[in-house]
Amino acid sequence: MVVICVCCRRVAGFWCAAAVGDGRVFATSFGLDERRVLGGLLESLPFNVPFQVVEEQSGLSEKVLTAIGLMVAGEGVSVEGFRFEMSHLPKYSQRVLGFLLRVPVGYVTTYGALAKAAGGSARAVGNVMASNPFAPLIPCHRVVRSDFSLGGFGGGGGVEMKWAILQRENRGYKEPTTIRVNGSVLSVFPVGFVRKD
């Protein structure tokens, strides 16, 4: 039987939390307030899997927490080695999050562009972003409104945090591009297009 191990620590001025077990990542969270970070993480866990809060980190939890810290700092972090446990999520959420994984550092996509590529509506994509159990590793902060305003952000610190992370991720790219994902085309845009207002 899988037991999820939950750990939380401060990384680069933020609280970062990870829930891991059996070589898989079940949920992640980050923010400025330890209690809210842990609460958000626990809400994202599957109901049928026991968990325990641990002081000592495993090799996987250490890697996950380090990756969260680097991503919040705007570093380019590869998450390809992580196995995100999504079987308890609706199929549509799994699909949208799979597409979102492909949006690289320095770029954003819009709710509409993500919906066009993955199917569904911009509102449906927004609902998936609002309940993303793997923020920021599956980078919902890289999804903005069609007018390139920020939109919402449930991650720790709200839209101010979203803006700060995107500013750190800005690589100075100037031109939009497209990414092929599962036979679909996802449009992505330079972070510099994003407006704070």
Protein backbone atom coordinates (compact mmCIF):
# COMPACT_ATOMS: atom_id res chain seq x y z
CA MET A 1 0.00 0.00 0.00
CA VAL A 2 1.28 3.46 -0.95
CA VAL A 3 1.68 5.97 1.86
CA ILE A 4 2.19 9.54 0.75
CA CYS A 5 4.93 11.40 2.58
CA VAL A 6 4.31 15.13 2.97
CA CYS A 7 7.18 17.49 3.69
CA CYS A 8 7.48 21.25 3.79
CA ARG A 9 10.45 23.59 4.06
CA ARG A 10 11.55 27.12 3.31
CA VAL A 11 13.36 27.54 0.00
CA ALA A 12 14.61 30.94 -1.16
CA GLY A 13 12.17 32.82 1.08
CA PHE A 14 9.12 30.70 0.19
CA TRP A 15 7.43 27.74 1.81
CA CYS A 16 7.47 24.78 -0.53
CA ALA A 17 5.63 21.52 0.09
CA ALA A 18 5.63 18.18 -1.68
CA ALA A 19 3.59 15.01 -1.33
CA VAL A 20 5.44 12.02 -2.75
CA GLY A 21 5.23 8.26 -2.56
CA ASP A 22 6.16 5.17 -4.55
CA GLY A 23 8.36 7.25 -6.88
CA ARG A 24 5.47 9.56 -7.79
CA VAL A 25 4.58 13.19 -7.10
CA PHE A 26 1.02 13.43 -5.75
CA ALA A 27 0.91 17.19 -5.14
CA THR A 28 3.04 20.29 -4.67
CA SER A 29 2.40 23.72 -3.25
CA PHE A 30 4.26 26.93 -2.48
CA GLY A 31 3.67 30.35 -0.97
CA LEU A 32 4.55 32.77 1.77
CA ASP A 33 2.53 31.20 4.59
CA GLU A 34 3.44 27.69 5.79
CA ARG A 35 -0.05 26.87 7.04
CA ARG A 36 -1.73 27.86 3.75
CA VAL A 37 0.88 25.97 1.72
CA LEU A 38 0.30 22.78 3.70
CA GLY A 39 -3.49 23.26 3.63
CA GLY A 40 -3.48 23.68 -0.15
CA LEU A 41 -1.30 20.62 -0.57
CA LEU A 42 -3.51 18.43 1.60
CA GLU A 43 -6.63 19.53 -0.32
CA SER A 44 -4.99 18.27 -3.53
CA LEU A 45 -4.26 14.75 -2.30
CA PRO A 46 -6.37 11.80 -3.45
CA PHE A 47 -8.92 10.83 -0.79
CA ASN A 48 -8.17 7.11 -0.79
CA VAL A 49 -4.43 7.20 -0.09
CA PRO A 50 -3.07 7.58 3.46
CA PHE A 51 -0.46 10.23 4.13
CA GLN A 52 1.95 11.25 6.85
CA VAL A 53 3.85 14.46 7.48
CA VAL A 54 7.55 13.73 7.77
CA GLU A 55 10.52 15.76 8.95
CA GLU A 56 13.17 13.83 7.04
CA GLN A 57 13.02 14.20 3.28
CA SER A 58 13.44 11.41 0.77
CA GLY A 59 15.61 11.80 -2.29
CA LEU A 60 12.50 12.45 -4.40
CA SER A 61 11.00 15.03 -2.04
CA GLU A 62 14.37 16.80 -1.89
CA LYS A 63 14.48 16.99 -5.70
CA VAL A 64 10.87 18.21 -5.89
CA LEU A 65 11.33 20.90 -3.23
CA THR A 66 14.54 22.08 -4.89
CA ALA A 67 12.78 22.23 -8.28
CA ILE A 68 9.93 24.28 -6.80
CA GLY A 69 12.39 26.75 -5.31
CA LEU A 70 14.29 27.07 -8.59
CA MET A 71 11.08 27.52 -10.59
CA VAL A 72 9.76 30.25 -8.28
CA ALA A 73 13.16 31.93 -8.67
CA GLY A 74 12.66 31.93 -12.46
CA GLU A 75 15.18 29.24 -13.30
CA GLY A 76 14.68 26.83 -16.16
CA VAL A 77 13.78 23.57 -14.44
CA SER A 78 13.20 20.27 -16.18
CA VAL A 79 10.40 18.25 -14.61
CA GLU A 80 10.54 15.44 -17.17
CA GLY A 81 12.03 13.06 -14.60
CA PHE A 82 9.06 13.46 -12.24
CA ARG A 83 6.13 11.05 -12.42
CA PHE A 84 3.06 13.16 -11.66
CA GLU A 85 0.27 11.00 -10.21
CA MET A 86 -2.85 12.14 -12.05
CA SER A 87 -5.00 9.01 -12.14
CA HIS A 88 -7.40 10.48 -9.56
CA LEU A 89 -7.94 13.62 -11.70
CA PRO A 90 -10.62 13.95 -14.40
CA LYS A 91 -9.36 12.95 -17.87
CA TYR A 92 -9.82 16.52 -19.14
CA SER A 93 -7.65 17.90 -16.32
CA GLN A 94 -4.98 15.33 -17.13
CA ARG A 95 -5.05 16.37 -20.78
CA VAL A 96 -4.84 20.11 -20.08
CA LEU A 97 -2.03 19.67 -17.54
CA GLY A 98 -0.15 17.49 -20.02
CA PHE A 99 -0.31 20.28 -22.60
CA LEU A 100 0.70 22.89 -20.03
CA LEU A 101 3.82 20.91 -19.15
CA ARG A 102 5.14 21.77 -22.61
CA VAL A 103 5.05 25.58 -22.19
CA PRO A 104 8.72 26.53 -21.80
CA VAL A 105 10.35 29.10 -19.54
CA GLY A 106 10.19 32.55 -21.11
CA TYR A 107 6.79 31.95 -22.71
CA VAL A 108 3.14 32.02 -21.71
CA THR A 109 0.00 30.74 -23.34
CA THR A 110 -3.56 31.95 -23.01
CA TYR A 111 -6.58 30.16 -21.58
CA GLY A 112 -8.08 30.25 -25.09
CA ALA A 113 -4.97 28.95 -26.85
CA LEU A 114 -4.68 26.11 -24.35
CA ALA A 115 -8.38 25.29 -24.85
CA LYS A 116 -7.96 25.33 -28.62
CA ALA A 117 -5.08 22.86 -28.41
CA ALA A 118 -6.42 20.59 -25.64
CA GLY A 119 -10.14 20.94 -26.37
CA GLY A 120 -12.86 22.52 -24.28
CA SER A 121 -13.38 26.17 -23.45
CA ALA A 122 -11.20 28.88 -21.95
CA ARG A 123 -13.39 28.73 -18.83
CA ALA A 124 -12.85 24.97 -18.53
CA VAL A 125 -9.09 25.50 -18.81
CA GLY A 126 -9.34 28.20 -16.11
CA ASN A 127 -11.06 25.72 -13.81
CA VAL A 128 -8.24 23.22 -14.34
CA MET A 129 -5.67 25.94 -13.60
CA ALA A 130 -7.50 26.90 -10.39
CA SER A 131 -7.26 23.32 -9.12
CA ASN A 132 -3.79 22.45 -10.43
CA PRO A 133 -2.34 20.15 -7.75
CA PHE A 134 1.22 20.51 -9.08
CA ALA A 135 1.87 24.27 -9.00
CA PRO A 136 4.36 25.59 -9.90
CA LEU A 137 5.99 22.48 -11.44
CA ILE A 138 3.12 22.22 -13.92
CA PRO A 139 3.29 25.95 -14.60
CA CYS A 140 -0.23 27.38 -14.34
CA HIS A 141 1.44 30.75 -13.75
CA ARG A 142 2.29 30.67 -17.49
CA VAL A 143 -1.38 30.88 -18.50
CA VAL A 144 -2.81 34.38 -19.00
CA ARG A 145 -5.89 36.03 -20.48
CA SER A 146 -6.25 36.58 -24.23
CA ASP A 147 -5.38 40.30 -23.80
CA PHE A 148 -2.18 39.19 -22.00
CA SER A 149 -3.35 40.48 -18.64
CA LEU A 150 -2.50 38.17 -15.76
CA GLY A 151 -5.87 36.67 -14.90
CA GLY A 152 -6.15 34.84 -11.60
CA PHE A 153 -3.62 32.79 -9.71
CA GLY A 154 -4.35 30.50 -6.80
CA GLY A 155 -0.68 29.88 -6.06
CA GLY A 156 0.78 31.33 -2.89
CA GLY A 157 0.89 35.10 -3.11
CA GLY A 158 -1.85 35.51 -5.74
CA VAL A 159 -1.41 37.57 -8.90
CA GLU A 160 1.50 39.53 -7.41
CA MET A 161 3.39 36.24 -7.09
CA LYS A 162 2.38 35.26 -10.64
CA TRP A 163 3.71 38.56 -11.96
CA ALA A 164 6.96 38.22 -9.98
CA ILE A 165 7.60 34.68 -11.22
CA LEU A 166 6.90 35.64 -14.83
CA GLN A 167 9.26 38.63 -14.58
CA ARG A 168 11.99 36.32 -13.32
CA GLU A 169 11.25 33.89 -16.18
CA ASN A 170 11.44 36.57 -18.87
CA ARG A 171 14.19 35.59 -21.31
CA GLY A 172 13.71 38.52 -23.68
CA TYR A 173 12.06 36.50 -26.46
CA LYS A 174 10.29 38.70 -29.01
CA GLU A 175 8.23 36.42 -31.26
CA PRO A 176 5.33 34.04 -30.58
CA THR A 177 5.82 30.45 -31.61
CA THR A 178 3.94 27.17 -31.61
CA ILE A 179 4.55 23.82 -29.97
CA ARG A 180 3.25 20.49 -31.24
CA VAL A 181 1.60 18.43 -28.52
CA ASN A 182 -0.17 15.13 -29.23
CA GLY A 183 -0.98 16.13 -32.82
CA SER A 184 -2.30 19.57 -31.78
CA VAL A 185 -0.66 22.96 -32.03
CA LEU A 186 -0.29 25.12 -28.92
CA SER A 187 0.46 28.81 -29.41
CA VAL A 188 2.90 30.36 -26.94
CA PHE A 189 3.92 33.98 -26.51
CA PRO A 190 6.94 35.74 -25.00
CA VAL A 191 6.57 36.67 -21.33
CA GLY A 192 7.26 40.26 -22.40
CA PHE A 193 3.74 40.38 -23.91
CA VAL A 194 2.16 40.05 -20.44
CA ARG A 195 0.61 43.15 -18.84
CA LYS A 196 0.27 43.57 -15.09
CA ASP A 197 -3.02 45.53 -15.14
